[in-house]
Amino acid sequence: MELIRMERPPVPLSVLPPGSRGIVVALRAGRGLARRLMEMGLTPGVEVTVLRNSVGPIVVSVRGVSLALGRGVASKVFVRPL
């Protein structure tokens, strides 16, 4: 008997609560913004940790670096929660 592992569907980075982690699966942004996000280290397959998600920018940790992203930008980064 095989176990079927249900994967969580991707969600925007902007909805994750502080302390949660996820794997970037897609950048649903225009070419310029997608390129800028990838230059900052937000590439598909990388793990991100939400450090702060309250009023103002969302602060995440990516590859050992903290990034502050506006809500509009963070809503274009889709992650699979861990």
Protein backbone atom coordinates (compact mmCIF):
# COMPACT_ATOMS: atom_id res chain seq x y z
CA MET A 1 0.00 0.00 0.00
CA GLU A 2 1.41 3.38 -1.03
CA LEU A 3 1.11 6.48 1.07
CA ILE A 4 -0.11 9.47 -0.87
CA ARG A 5 1.57 12.65 0.26
CA MET A 6 -0.64 15.67 -0.19
CA GLU A 7 1.36 18.78 -0.96
CA ARG A 8 0.07 22.13 0.14
CA PRO A 9 -0.92 24.45 -2.70
CA PRO A 10 1.27 27.50 -3.31
CA VAL A 11 0.23 30.70 -1.55
CA PRO A 12 1.44 34.30 -1.82
CA LEU A 13 4.33 35.11 0.50
CA SER A 14 2.26 37.98 1.91
CA VAL A 15 -0.17 35.60 3.71
CA LEU A 16 2.40 33.60 5.70
CA PRO A 17 2.56 34.39 9.43
CA PRO A 18 5.83 35.30 11.19
CA GLY A 19 8.05 32.29 11.88
CA SER A 20 6.71 30.22 9.00
CA ARG A 21 8.84 28.85 6.19
CA GLY A 22 8.18 28.08 2.56
CA ILE A 23 9.82 27.13 -0.72
CA VAL A 24 9.56 29.61 -3.59
CA VAL A 25 7.73 27.96 -6.48
CA ALA A 26 6.83 30.87 -8.76
CA LEU A 27 7.25 34.59 -9.35
CA ARG A 28 4.08 35.94 -10.92
CA ALA A 29 5.48 39.32 -11.83
CA GLY A 30 6.54 41.23 -14.89
CA ARG A 31 9.94 40.61 -16.38
CA GLY A 32 11.62 43.56 -14.64
CA LEU A 33 10.31 42.79 -11.16
CA ALA A 34 10.92 39.04 -11.55
CA ARG A 35 14.53 39.77 -12.53
CA ARG A 36 14.99 42.09 -9.54
CA LEU A 37 13.57 39.49 -7.14
CA MET A 38 15.84 36.80 -8.56
CA GLU A 39 18.84 39.11 -8.18
CA MET A 40 17.90 39.47 -4.51
CA GLY A 41 17.98 35.67 -4.13
CA LEU A 42 14.28 34.85 -4.46
CA THR A 43 14.61 32.09 -7.03
CA PRO A 44 12.40 29.01 -7.44
CA GLY A 45 13.46 26.26 -5.04
CA VAL A 46 14.94 28.52 -2.35
CA GLU A 47 13.63 28.42 1.22
CA VAL A 48 12.35 31.62 2.81
CA THR A 49 11.49 32.34 6.45
CA VAL A 50 9.05 35.10 7.37
CA LEU A 51 10.59 37.23 10.12
CA ARG A 52 7.90 39.92 10.31
CA ASN A 53 4.48 40.27 8.73
CA SER A 54 2.50 43.01 10.39
CA VAL A 55 1.94 46.62 9.38
CA GLY A 56 4.34 47.82 6.72
CA PRO A 57 6.80 45.74 4.72
CA ILE A 58 7.15 42.00 5.09
CA VAL A 59 10.62 41.02 6.31
CA VAL A 60 11.92 37.64 5.16
CA SER A 61 15.19 35.75 5.48
CA VAL A 62 16.58 34.30 2.25
CA ARG A 63 19.99 32.62 1.98
CA GLY A 64 21.03 34.21 5.28
CA VAL A 65 20.04 37.74 4.23
CA SER A 66 17.06 39.73 5.51
CA LEU A 67 14.91 41.41 2.87
CA ALA A 68 12.06 43.88 3.34
CA LEU A 69 9.40 43.52 0.65
CA GLY A 70 6.34 45.67 0.13
CA ARG A 71 3.00 43.86 0.32
CA GLY A 72 2.37 44.22 -3.40
CA VAL A 73 5.73 42.69 -4.26
CA ALA A 74 5.36 39.91 -1.65
CA SER A 75 1.95 38.99 -3.10
CA LYS A 76 3.66 38.15 -6.42
CA VAL A 77 6.03 35.62 -4.81
CA PHE A 78 4.29 32.24 -4.47
CA VAL A 79 5.62 29.72 -1.95
CA ARG A 80 4.75 26.20 -0.86
CA PRO A 81 4.46 26.32 2.96
CA LEU A 82 6.59 23.85 4.92
